[in-house]
């Protein structure tokens, strides 16, 4: 279920509304509540339109399987969950998702010095146990060439964590033909291989 962060937040707000059986949610009430919450959490200018709300309701039905129904009472139409116990926060993980996670972990495990892959493998194993899935052991479809003399690979995980945590790095850099080095303070955003370096 590939959902961006803003959409995920809107889905959670809508989910919270539709799980509340004590209130009747007309489209205008739902829109007002979602916009008020978005403004409180992310400031002015984050409000959505009526058409965006409609798209979100449709996306929740198709992507999350949300049993949203529109019912009529008098002259007005309201929204609610057909199943009052439904919540998008309780959607189980499918076996196909576990297989994809395992494939991603196998790719990461090929990078020496990247121990986060082992931590992720442990999480996937716990998910398999929780949902009673079994994944078959497949041979890797992609293999990286890792040169044994590649220098600096031991710093890969530290740089990765600095990017994720938005930490500033102090790096001493020396060009290939220069004998002097220079110290840089870097705000890392992306680690990319360039010319086998």
N, C-alpha and C. Protein backbone atom coordinates (compact mmCIF):
# COMPACT_ATOMS: atom_id res chain seq x y z
N UNK A 1 0.84 -1.17 0.00
CA UNK A 1 0.00 0.00 0.00
C UNK A 1 0.89 1.24 0.00
N UNK A 2 1.33 1.68 -1.18
CA UNK A 2 2.21 2.84 -1.24
C UNK A 2 1.44 4.14 -1.03
N UNK A 3 1.56 4.74 0.11
CA UNK A 3 0.83 5.96 0.44
C UNK A 3 1.83 6.99 0.94
N UNK A 4 1.75 8.24 0.43
CA UNK A 4 2.66 9.25 0.95
C UNK A 4 2.22 9.66 2.35
N UNK A 5 3.12 10.36 3.06
CA UNK A 5 2.86 10.68 4.47
C UNK A 5 1.62 11.55 4.65
N UNK A 6 1.41 12.52 3.78
CA UNK A 6 0.26 13.41 3.92
C UNK A 6 -1.04 12.63 3.75
N UNK A 7 -1.09 11.75 2.75
CA UNK A 7 -2.29 10.94 2.52
C UNK A 7 -2.51 10.01 3.70
N UNK A 8 -1.44 9.41 4.21
CA UNK A 8 -1.57 8.49 5.35
C UNK A 8 -2.17 9.22 6.56
N UNK A 9 -1.72 10.43 6.80
CA UNK A 9 -2.26 11.22 7.92
C UNK A 9 -3.74 11.51 7.70
N UNK A 10 -4.11 11.90 6.48
CA UNK A 10 -5.53 12.17 6.19
C UNK A 10 -6.36 10.91 6.37
N UNK A 11 -5.85 9.76 5.91
CA UNK A 11 -6.57 8.50 6.07
C UNK A 11 -6.80 8.19 7.55
N UNK A 12 -5.78 8.45 8.37
CA UNK A 12 -5.92 8.18 9.80
C UNK A 12 -6.96 9.09 10.45
N UNK A 13 -7.02 10.34 10.01
CA UNK A 13 -8.01 11.27 10.55
C UNK A 13 -9.42 10.84 10.13
N UNK A 14 -9.58 10.49 8.85
CA UNK A 14 -10.88 10.02 8.36
C UNK A 14 -11.27 8.74 9.08
N UNK A 15 -10.31 7.84 9.27
CA UNK A 15 -10.56 6.58 9.97
C UNK A 15 -11.07 6.85 11.38
N UNK A 16 -10.43 7.80 12.05
CA UNK A 16 -10.85 8.16 13.41
C UNK A 16 -12.31 8.64 13.42
N UNK A 17 -12.69 9.43 12.42
CA UNK A 17 -14.06 9.93 12.34
C UNK A 17 -15.05 8.80 12.09
N UNK A 18 -14.77 7.96 11.10
CA UNK A 18 -15.72 6.93 10.71
C UNK A 18 -15.86 5.82 11.74
N UNK A 19 -14.88 5.71 12.66
CA UNK A 19 -14.99 4.72 13.74
C UNK A 19 -15.83 5.25 14.90
N UNK A 20 -16.19 6.51 14.87
CA UNK A 20 -16.98 7.11 15.94
C UNK A 20 -18.48 6.98 15.62
N UNK A 21 -19.16 6.00 16.19
CA UNK A 21 -20.58 5.79 15.87
C UNK A 21 -21.51 6.81 16.54
N UNK A 22 -20.99 7.62 17.43
CA UNK A 22 -21.83 8.58 18.15
C UNK A 22 -22.11 9.83 17.33
N UNK A 23 -21.40 9.96 16.20
CA UNK A 23 -21.58 11.15 15.38
C UNK A 23 -21.91 10.78 13.95
N UNK A 24 -22.76 11.57 13.33
CA UNK A 24 -23.09 11.38 11.91
C UNK A 24 -22.18 12.28 11.10
N UNK A 25 -21.51 11.69 10.10
CA UNK A 25 -20.50 12.42 9.33
C UNK A 25 -20.99 12.73 7.93
N UNK A 26 -21.53 13.94 7.76
CA UNK A 26 -21.84 14.44 6.42
C UNK A 26 -20.51 14.82 5.78
N UNK A 27 -20.48 14.90 4.45
CA UNK A 27 -19.22 15.21 3.75
C UNK A 27 -18.64 16.55 4.24
N UNK A 28 -19.51 17.55 4.44
CA UNK A 28 -19.02 18.87 4.89
C UNK A 28 -18.44 18.79 6.30
N UNK A 29 -19.06 18.00 7.18
CA UNK A 29 -18.55 17.84 8.55
C UNK A 29 -17.20 17.13 8.55
N UNK A 30 -17.12 16.10 7.72
CA UNK A 30 -15.88 15.33 7.61
C UNK A 30 -14.75 16.21 7.08
N UNK A 31 -15.05 17.00 6.05
CA UNK A 31 -14.05 17.90 5.47
C UNK A 31 -13.60 18.94 6.49
N UNK A 32 -14.53 19.50 7.23
CA UNK A 32 -14.20 20.51 8.24
C UNK A 32 -13.31 19.90 9.33
N UNK A 33 -13.64 18.70 9.79
CA UNK A 33 -12.85 18.06 10.85
C UNK A 33 -11.43 17.75 10.36
N UNK A 34 -11.32 17.18 9.15
CA UNK A 34 -10.00 16.84 8.59
C UNK A 34 -9.16 18.10 8.43
N UNK A 35 -9.74 19.16 7.89
CA UNK A 35 -8.99 20.41 7.69
C UNK A 35 -8.57 21.05 9.01
N UNK A 36 -9.44 20.97 10.02
CA UNK A 36 -9.08 21.53 11.33
C UNK A 36 -7.88 20.77 11.92
N UNK A 37 -7.91 19.44 11.83
CA UNK A 37 -6.80 18.63 12.35
C UNK A 37 -5.52 18.87 11.57
N UNK A 38 -5.63 18.97 10.24
CA UNK A 38 -4.43 19.24 9.43
C UNK A 38 -3.83 20.59 9.79
N UNK A 39 -4.67 21.59 10.00
CA UNK A 39 -4.19 22.92 10.37
C UNK A 39 -3.51 22.90 11.73
N UNK A 40 -4.09 22.18 12.69
CA UNK A 40 -3.51 22.10 14.02
C UNK A 40 -2.16 21.39 14.01
N UNK A 41 -2.05 20.33 13.23
CA UNK A 41 -0.83 19.52 13.24
C UNK A 41 0.26 20.03 12.30
N UNK A 42 -0.15 20.68 11.19
CA UNK A 42 0.84 21.08 10.18
C UNK A 42 0.75 22.54 9.78
N UNK A 43 -0.09 23.31 10.41
CA UNK A 43 -0.18 24.74 10.14
C UNK A 43 -1.14 25.08 9.02
N UNK A 44 -1.33 26.37 8.85
CA UNK A 44 -2.25 26.87 7.81
C UNK A 44 -1.75 26.47 6.43
N UNK A 45 -2.68 26.35 5.49
CA UNK A 45 -2.32 26.03 4.12
C UNK A 45 -2.22 24.54 3.84
N UNK A 46 -2.57 23.71 4.81
CA UNK A 46 -2.51 22.26 4.60
C UNK A 46 -3.90 21.67 4.38
N UNK A 47 -4.90 22.53 4.27
CA UNK A 47 -6.27 22.07 4.11
C UNK A 47 -6.47 21.40 2.75
N UNK A 48 -7.49 20.55 2.67
CA UNK A 48 -7.79 19.85 1.43
C UNK A 48 -9.15 20.29 0.90
N UNK A 49 -9.41 19.98 -0.37
CA UNK A 49 -10.67 20.35 -1.00
C UNK A 49 -11.68 19.20 -0.88
N UNK A 50 -12.90 19.47 -1.29
CA UNK A 50 -13.94 18.44 -1.28
C UNK A 50 -13.57 17.30 -2.22
N UNK A 51 -13.01 17.64 -3.37
CA UNK A 51 -12.63 16.58 -4.33
C UNK A 51 -11.50 15.72 -3.76
N UNK A 52 -10.56 16.31 -3.03
CA UNK A 52 -9.49 15.52 -2.41
C UNK A 52 -10.05 14.58 -1.36
N UNK A 53 -11.03 15.05 -0.60
CA UNK A 53 -11.68 14.19 0.38
C UNK A 53 -12.35 13.00 -0.32
N UNK A 54 -13.01 13.27 -1.44
CA UNK A 54 -13.65 12.20 -2.19
C UNK A 54 -12.61 11.19 -2.69
N UNK A 55 -11.47 11.69 -3.19
CA UNK A 55 -10.39 10.80 -3.65
C UNK A 55 -9.84 9.97 -2.49
N UNK A 56 -9.70 10.61 -1.32
CA UNK A 56 -9.19 9.89 -0.15
C UNK A 56 -10.13 8.78 0.28
N UNK A 57 -11.44 9.06 0.26
CA UNK A 57 -12.41 8.03 0.63
C UNK A 57 -12.36 6.86 -0.36
N UNK A 58 -12.23 7.18 -1.65
CA UNK A 58 -12.12 6.12 -2.67
C UNK A 58 -10.83 5.33 -2.50
N UNK A 59 -9.73 6.04 -2.23
CA UNK A 59 -8.43 5.37 -2.06
C UNK A 59 -8.45 4.48 -0.82
N UNK A 60 -9.09 4.92 0.24
CA UNK A 60 -9.18 4.08 1.44
C UNK A 60 -9.94 2.80 1.14
N UNK A 61 -10.95 2.89 0.29
CA UNK A 61 -11.71 1.70 -0.08
C UNK A 61 -10.88 0.75 -0.94
N UNK A 62 -10.18 1.29 -1.94
CA UNK A 62 -9.43 0.42 -2.86
C UNK A 62 -8.11 -0.06 -2.27
N UNK A 63 -7.37 0.83 -1.62
CA UNK A 63 -6.04 0.46 -1.13
C UNK A 63 -6.07 -0.23 0.23
N UNK A 64 -7.00 0.17 1.08
CA UNK A 64 -7.05 -0.36 2.45
C UNK A 64 -8.21 -1.32 2.66
N UNK A 65 -9.10 -1.42 1.69
CA UNK A 65 -10.26 -2.28 1.85
C UNK A 65 -11.25 -1.75 2.87
N UNK A 66 -11.27 -0.44 3.06
CA UNK A 66 -12.16 0.17 4.06
C UNK A 66 -13.61 0.03 3.62
N UNK A 67 -14.47 -0.52 4.48
CA UNK A 67 -15.89 -0.72 4.12
C UNK A 67 -16.71 0.56 4.35
N UNK A 68 -16.37 1.62 3.60
CA UNK A 68 -17.04 2.90 3.77
C UNK A 68 -18.37 2.86 3.03
N UNK A 69 -19.42 3.27 3.73
CA UNK A 69 -20.72 3.34 3.08
C UNK A 69 -21.31 4.73 3.27
N UNK A 70 -22.08 5.14 2.26
CA UNK A 70 -22.79 6.40 2.35
C UNK A 70 -24.26 6.03 2.53
N UNK A 71 -24.85 6.52 3.59
CA UNK A 71 -26.25 6.19 3.85
C UNK A 71 -27.07 7.47 3.96
N UNK A 72 -28.35 7.30 3.69
CA UNK A 72 -29.25 8.46 3.70
C UNK A 72 -30.12 8.43 4.95
N UNK A 73 -30.27 9.61 5.54
CA UNK A 73 -31.16 9.75 6.69
C UNK A 73 -31.91 11.06 6.49
N UNK A 74 -33.19 10.96 6.23
CA UNK A 74 -33.96 12.16 5.89
C UNK A 74 -33.53 12.66 4.53
N UNK A 75 -33.14 13.92 4.46
CA UNK A 75 -32.69 14.49 3.18
C UNK A 75 -31.17 14.55 3.09
N UNK A 76 -30.48 14.11 4.13
CA UNK A 76 -29.01 14.21 4.17
C UNK A 76 -28.35 12.86 3.97
N UNK A 77 -27.09 12.92 3.48
CA UNK A 77 -26.26 11.73 3.30
C UNK A 77 -25.10 11.78 4.29
N UNK A 78 -24.77 10.62 4.84
CA UNK A 78 -23.71 10.52 5.83
C UNK A 78 -22.77 9.37 5.48
N UNK A 79 -21.56 9.42 6.07
CA UNK A 79 -20.56 8.36 5.87
C UNK A 79 -20.33 7.62 7.17
N UNK A 80 -20.05 6.33 7.05
CA UNK A 80 -19.68 5.50 8.20
C UNK A 80 -19.05 4.23 7.67
N UNK A 81 -18.48 3.46 8.59
CA UNK A 81 -17.98 2.12 8.24
C UNK A 81 -19.14 1.13 8.34
N UNK A 82 -19.25 0.28 7.34
CA UNK A 82 -20.25 -0.79 7.38
C UNK A 82 -19.97 -1.71 8.57
N UNK A 83 -18.69 -2.02 8.77
CA UNK A 83 -18.26 -2.83 9.90
C UNK A 83 -17.75 -1.88 10.98
N UNK A 84 -18.46 -1.73 12.09
CA UNK A 84 -18.06 -0.75 13.12
C UNK A 84 -16.72 -1.08 13.78
N UNK A 85 -16.24 -2.32 13.65
CA UNK A 85 -14.96 -2.70 14.25
C UNK A 85 -13.77 -2.47 13.32
N UNK A 86 -14.03 -2.03 12.09
CA UNK A 86 -12.94 -1.85 11.12
C UNK A 86 -12.09 -0.62 11.48
N UNK A 87 -10.80 -0.73 11.24
CA UNK A 87 -9.88 0.40 11.35
C UNK A 87 -8.72 0.14 10.40
N UNK A 88 -8.24 1.18 9.74
CA UNK A 88 -7.10 0.98 8.83
C UNK A 88 -5.83 0.65 9.61
N UNK A 89 -5.84 0.91 10.91
CA UNK A 89 -4.67 0.58 11.72
C UNK A 89 -4.58 -0.91 12.03
N UNK A 90 -5.66 -1.65 11.76
CA UNK A 90 -5.68 -3.09 12.04
C UNK A 90 -5.56 -3.95 10.79
N UNK A 91 -5.14 -3.36 9.68
CA UNK A 91 -5.01 -4.13 8.44
C UNK A 91 -3.82 -5.06 8.57
N UNK A 92 -4.04 -6.37 8.37
CA UNK A 92 -2.92 -7.30 8.49
C UNK A 92 -1.96 -7.21 7.30
N UNK A 93 -0.74 -7.65 7.53
CA UNK A 93 0.27 -7.69 6.48
C UNK A 93 0.03 -8.95 5.65
N UNK A 94 0.16 -8.83 4.34
CA UNK A 94 -0.04 -9.97 3.46
C UNK A 94 1.29 -10.68 3.23
N UNK A 95 1.21 -11.95 2.87
CA UNK A 95 2.41 -12.75 2.66
C UNK A 95 3.27 -12.16 1.53
N UNK A 96 2.63 -11.60 0.53
CA UNK A 96 3.36 -10.99 -0.59
C UNK A 96 4.25 -9.84 -0.10
N UNK A 97 3.75 -9.07 0.87
CA UNK A 97 4.54 -7.97 1.44
C UNK A 97 5.76 -8.50 2.18
N UNK A 98 5.59 -9.61 2.90
CA UNK A 98 6.71 -10.23 3.62
C UNK A 98 7.77 -10.70 2.64
N UNK A 99 7.35 -11.29 1.52
CA UNK A 99 8.29 -11.76 0.50
C UNK A 99 9.09 -10.59 -0.07
N UNK A 100 8.42 -9.46 -0.34
CA UNK A 100 9.12 -8.28 -0.87
C UNK A 100 10.11 -7.73 0.16
N UNK A 101 9.72 -7.72 1.43
CA UNK A 101 10.65 -7.27 2.47
C UNK A 101 11.88 -8.17 2.54
N UNK A 102 11.65 -9.48 2.46
CA UNK A 102 12.77 -10.42 2.48
C UNK A 102 13.72 -10.19 1.32
N UNK A 103 13.18 -9.93 0.13
CA UNK A 103 14.02 -9.66 -1.04
C UNK A 103 14.87 -8.40 -0.83
N UNK A 104 14.26 -7.36 -0.27
CA UNK A 104 15.00 -6.12 -0.01
C UNK A 104 16.11 -6.35 1.01
N UNK A 105 15.83 -7.17 2.02
CA UNK A 105 16.83 -7.46 3.04
C UNK A 105 17.99 -8.24 2.45
N UNK A 106 17.71 -9.18 1.57
CA UNK A 106 18.77 -9.96 0.93
C UNK A 106 19.70 -9.06 0.12
N UNK A 107 19.14 -8.04 -0.53
CA UNK A 107 19.97 -7.09 -1.25
C UNK A 107 20.86 -6.31 -0.29
N UNK A 108 20.28 -5.85 0.82
CA UNK A 108 21.05 -5.09 1.79
C UNK A 108 22.14 -5.93 2.45
N UNK A 109 21.87 -7.22 2.65
CA UNK A 109 22.84 -8.08 3.32
C UNK A 109 24.10 -8.29 2.48
N UNK A 110 24.01 -8.03 1.18
CA UNK A 110 25.18 -8.18 0.32
C UNK A 110 26.19 -7.06 0.53
N UNK A 111 25.75 -5.97 1.14
CA UNK A 111 26.65 -4.85 1.39
C UNK A 111 27.33 -5.10 2.73
N UNK A 112 28.59 -5.40 2.68
CA UNK A 112 29.33 -5.70 3.90
C UNK A 112 29.38 -4.47 4.80
N UNK A 113 29.24 -4.68 6.09
CA UNK A 113 29.31 -3.58 7.04
C UNK A 113 27.99 -2.87 7.23
N UNK A 114 26.91 -3.40 6.68
CA UNK A 114 25.61 -2.76 6.78
C UNK A 114 24.74 -3.60 7.70
N UNK A 115 24.92 -3.45 9.00
CA UNK A 115 24.27 -4.34 9.98
C UNK A 115 22.78 -4.09 10.14
N UNK A 116 22.28 -2.99 9.61
CA UNK A 116 20.84 -2.73 9.74
C UNK A 116 20.03 -3.81 9.02
N UNK A 117 20.63 -4.45 8.02
CA UNK A 117 19.95 -5.54 7.31
C UNK A 117 19.65 -6.69 8.25
N UNK A 118 20.55 -6.96 9.19
CA UNK A 118 20.33 -8.04 10.16
C UNK A 118 19.17 -7.69 11.09
N UNK A 119 19.09 -6.41 11.50
CA UNK A 119 18.01 -5.97 12.37
C UNK A 119 16.67 -6.08 11.64
N UNK A 120 16.66 -5.70 10.35
CA UNK A 120 15.43 -5.80 9.57
C UNK A 120 15.02 -7.25 9.36
N UNK A 121 15.99 -8.13 9.17
CA UNK A 121 15.69 -9.56 9.00
C UNK A 121 15.00 -10.10 10.26
N UNK A 122 15.43 -9.62 11.42
CA UNK A 122 14.82 -10.04 12.68
C UNK A 122 13.37 -9.57 12.76
N UNK A 123 13.11 -8.34 12.31
CA UNK A 123 11.74 -7.80 12.31
C UNK A 123 10.85 -8.62 11.38
N UNK A 124 11.35 -8.94 10.18
CA UNK A 124 10.57 -9.74 9.23
C UNK A 124 10.28 -11.12 9.82
N UNK A 125 11.26 -11.70 10.50
CA UNK A 125 11.06 -13.02 11.12
C UNK A 125 9.93 -12.96 12.16
N UNK A 126 9.90 -11.88 12.95
CA UNK A 126 8.83 -11.73 13.95
C UNK A 126 7.47 -11.56 13.27
N UNK A 127 7.43 -10.82 12.14
CA UNK A 127 6.18 -10.67 11.40
C UNK A 127 5.70 -12.01 10.85
N UNK A 128 6.66 -12.80 10.34
CA UNK A 128 6.30 -14.14 9.84
C UNK A 128 5.69 -14.98 10.94
N UNK A 129 6.27 -14.92 12.13
CA UNK A 129 5.73 -15.68 13.26
C UNK A 129 4.35 -15.17 13.68
N UNK A 130 4.19 -13.86 13.70
CA UNK A 130 2.92 -13.27 14.14
C UNK A 130 1.78 -13.64 13.19
N UNK A 131 2.06 -13.58 11.87
CA UNK A 131 1.01 -13.84 10.89
C UNK A 131 1.06 -15.25 10.33
N UNK A 132 1.92 -16.10 10.89
CA UNK A 132 2.04 -17.51 10.50
C UNK A 132 2.34 -17.68 9.01
N UNK A 133 3.30 -16.89 8.51
CA UNK A 133 3.74 -17.02 7.13
C UNK A 133 5.04 -17.80 7.09
N UNK A 134 5.27 -18.46 5.99
CA UNK A 134 6.55 -19.10 5.75
C UNK A 134 7.05 -18.64 4.40
N UNK A 135 8.25 -18.10 4.37
CA UNK A 135 8.82 -17.70 3.08
C UNK A 135 9.86 -18.73 2.68
N UNK A 136 9.85 -19.04 1.40
CA UNK A 136 10.81 -20.03 0.91
C UNK A 136 12.13 -19.34 0.63
N UNK A 137 13.20 -20.07 0.81
CA UNK A 137 14.54 -19.55 0.57
C UNK A 137 14.80 -19.53 -0.93
N UNK A 138 14.97 -18.35 -1.50
CA UNK A 138 15.27 -18.22 -2.93
C UNK A 138 16.71 -17.79 -3.10
N UNK A 139 17.29 -18.17 -4.25
CA UNK A 139 18.62 -17.66 -4.57
C UNK A 139 18.49 -16.20 -4.94
N UNK A 140 19.49 -15.38 -4.59
CA UNK A 140 19.38 -13.95 -4.90
C UNK A 140 19.35 -13.71 -6.40
N UNK A 141 18.50 -12.78 -6.83
CA UNK A 141 18.38 -12.44 -8.25
C UNK A 141 19.40 -11.40 -8.66
N UNK A 142 19.94 -10.66 -7.70
CA UNK A 142 20.93 -9.62 -7.98
C UNK A 142 22.12 -9.85 -7.06
N UNK A 143 23.30 -9.68 -7.63
CA UNK A 143 24.50 -9.80 -6.82
C UNK A 143 25.38 -8.59 -7.06
N UNK A 144 25.79 -7.95 -6.00
CA UNK A 144 26.68 -6.80 -6.13
C UNK A 144 28.12 -7.27 -6.21
N UNK A 145 28.91 -6.56 -7.00
CA UNK A 145 30.34 -6.82 -6.99
C UNK A 145 30.94 -5.91 -5.93
N UNK A 146 31.49 -6.51 -4.93
CA UNK A 146 32.12 -5.72 -3.87
C UNK A 146 33.61 -5.99 -3.92
N UNK A 147 34.33 -4.99 -4.28
CA UNK A 147 35.77 -5.12 -4.37
C UNK A 147 36.36 -5.23 -2.97
N UNK A 148 37.19 -6.29 -2.71
CA UNK A 148 37.74 -6.43 -1.35
C UNK A 148 38.64 -5.28 -0.95
N UNK A 149 39.22 -4.59 -1.94
CA UNK A 149 40.10 -3.48 -1.58
C UNK A 149 39.35 -2.14 -1.53
N UNK A 150 38.03 -2.18 -1.61
CA UNK A 150 37.25 -0.95 -1.56
C UNK A 150 37.45 -0.29 -0.20
N UNK A 151 37.98 0.92 -0.23
CA UNK A 151 38.26 1.62 1.01
C UNK A 151 37.05 2.42 1.46
N UNK A 152 36.84 2.48 2.75
CA UNK A 152 35.78 3.30 3.32
C UNK A 152 34.46 2.59 3.53
N UNK A 153 34.36 1.33 3.08
CA UNK A 153 33.09 0.60 3.22
C UNK A 153 32.68 0.46 4.69
N UNK A 154 33.67 0.48 5.58
CA UNK A 154 33.37 0.33 7.00
C UNK A 154 32.61 1.54 7.56
N UNK A 155 32.59 2.66 6.81
CA UNK A 155 31.89 3.87 7.26
C UNK A 155 30.46 3.96 6.72
N UNK A 156 30.08 3.00 5.90
CA UNK A 156 28.78 3.04 5.23
C UNK A 156 27.62 3.18 6.20
N UNK A 157 27.60 2.35 7.22
CA UNK A 157 26.47 2.38 8.15
C UNK A 157 26.43 3.69 8.95
N UNK A 158 27.60 4.19 9.35
CA UNK A 158 27.64 5.47 10.08
C UNK A 158 27.07 6.60 9.22
N UNK A 159 27.42 6.62 7.95
CA UNK A 159 26.92 7.66 7.05
C UNK A 159 25.41 7.50 6.86
N UNK A 160 24.98 6.25 6.70
CA UNK A 160 23.54 5.98 6.56
C UNK A 160 22.76 6.53 7.76
N UNK A 161 23.22 6.23 8.96
CA UNK A 161 22.54 6.71 10.16
C UNK A 161 22.59 8.23 10.28
N UNK A 162 23.68 8.84 9.83
CA UNK A 162 23.77 10.31 9.86
C UNK A 162 22.74 10.93 8.92
N UNK A 163 22.52 10.29 7.78
CA UNK A 163 21.51 10.80 6.83
C UNK A 163 20.13 10.69 7.45
N UNK A 164 19.81 9.52 8.01
CA UNK A 164 18.49 9.29 8.59
C UNK A 164 18.24 10.23 9.77
N UNK A 165 19.25 10.42 10.62
CA UNK A 165 19.08 11.25 11.83
C UNK A 165 19.36 12.73 11.60
N UNK A 166 19.76 13.07 10.35
CA UNK A 166 20.08 14.46 9.98
C UNK A 166 21.22 15.03 10.83
N UNK A 167 22.25 14.21 11.03
CA UNK A 167 23.43 14.64 11.78
C UNK A 167 24.45 15.26 10.83
N UNK A 168 25.20 16.22 11.34
CA UNK A 168 26.29 16.83 10.57
C UNK A 168 27.52 15.95 10.72
N UNK A 169 28.21 15.71 9.60
CA UNK A 169 29.43 14.90 9.63
C UNK A 169 30.65 15.79 9.46
N UNK A 170 31.71 15.46 10.19
CA UNK A 170 32.99 16.13 10.02
C UNK A 170 33.88 15.13 9.27
N UNK A 171 34.21 15.46 8.03
CA UNK A 171 34.93 14.52 7.16
C UNK A 171 36.25 15.14 6.73
N UNK A 172 37.31 14.35 6.84
CA UNK A 172 38.62 14.76 6.34
C UNK A 172 38.77 14.16 4.96
N UNK A 173 38.99 15.01 3.95
CA UNK A 173 39.07 14.57 2.56
C UNK A 173 40.45 14.85 1.99
N UNK A 174 40.98 13.87 1.29
CA UNK A 174 42.27 14.02 0.64
C UNK A 174 42.11 13.55 -0.81
N UNK A 175 42.49 14.41 -1.75
CA UNK A 175 42.40 14.02 -3.16
C UNK A 175 43.44 12.96 -3.46
N UNK A 176 43.30 12.30 -4.59
CA UNK A 176 44.18 11.19 -4.93
C UNK A 176 45.64 11.63 -5.10
N UNK A 177 45.86 12.78 -5.69
CA UNK A 177 47.24 13.19 -5.95
C UNK A 177 47.74 14.27 -5.00
N UNK A 178 46.94 14.71 -4.08
CA UNK A 178 47.39 15.74 -3.13
C UNK A 178 47.89 15.07 -1.85
N UNK A 179 48.85 15.71 -1.22
CA UNK A 179 49.39 15.17 0.03
C UNK A 179 48.77 15.85 1.24
N UNK A 180 48.02 16.90 0.99
CA UNK A 180 47.36 17.58 2.10
C UNK A 180 45.89 17.17 2.14
N UNK A 181 45.30 17.33 3.28
CA UNK A 181 43.89 16.99 3.42
C UNK A 181 43.12 18.20 3.90
N UNK A 182 41.84 18.13 3.73
CA UNK A 182 40.98 19.24 4.10
C UNK A 182 39.81 18.70 4.91
N UNK A 183 39.38 19.46 5.92
CA UNK A 183 38.25 19.04 6.77
C UNK A 183 36.99 19.76 6.29
N UNK A 184 35.93 18.97 6.13
CA UNK A 184 34.64 19.51 5.70
C UNK A 184 33.58 19.15 6.73
N UNK A 185 32.64 20.07 6.94
CA UNK A 185 31.44 19.77 7.72
C UNK A 185 30.31 19.60 6.71
N UNK A 186 29.72 18.41 6.70
CA UNK A 186 28.75 18.06 5.66
C UNK A 186 27.42 17.71 6.30
N UNK A 187 26.36 18.19 5.67
CA UNK A 187 24.99 17.82 6.04
C UNK A 187 24.55 16.76 5.03
N UNK A 188 24.63 15.48 5.38
CA UNK A 188 24.37 14.44 4.37
C UNK A 188 22.88 14.25 4.08
N UNK A 189 22.57 14.11 2.78
CA UNK A 189 21.20 13.84 2.33
C UNK A 189 21.11 12.55 1.53
N UNK A 190 22.19 12.22 0.82
CA UNK A 190 22.18 11.06 -0.06
C UNK A 190 23.60 10.54 -0.18
N UNK A 191 23.76 9.23 -0.07
CA UNK A 191 25.05 8.60 -0.27
C UNK A 191 25.01 7.90 -1.61
N UNK A 192 25.90 8.27 -2.52
CA UNK A 192 25.84 7.75 -3.87
C UNK A 192 27.24 7.35 -4.33
N UNK A 193 27.32 6.19 -4.99
CA UNK A 193 28.59 5.75 -5.56
C UNK A 193 28.84 6.55 -6.83
N UNK A 194 30.07 7.00 -7.02
CA UNK A 194 30.43 7.74 -8.21
C UNK A 194 31.80 7.28 -8.68
N UNK A 195 31.90 6.83 -9.91
CA UNK A 195 33.17 6.32 -10.48
C UNK A 195 33.80 5.27 -9.58
N UNK A 196 33.01 4.31 -9.12
CA UNK A 196 33.47 3.24 -8.23
C UNK A 196 34.04 3.74 -6.92
N UNK A 197 33.60 4.90 -6.48
CA UNK A 197 34.07 5.44 -5.19
C UNK A 197 32.86 5.66 -4.31
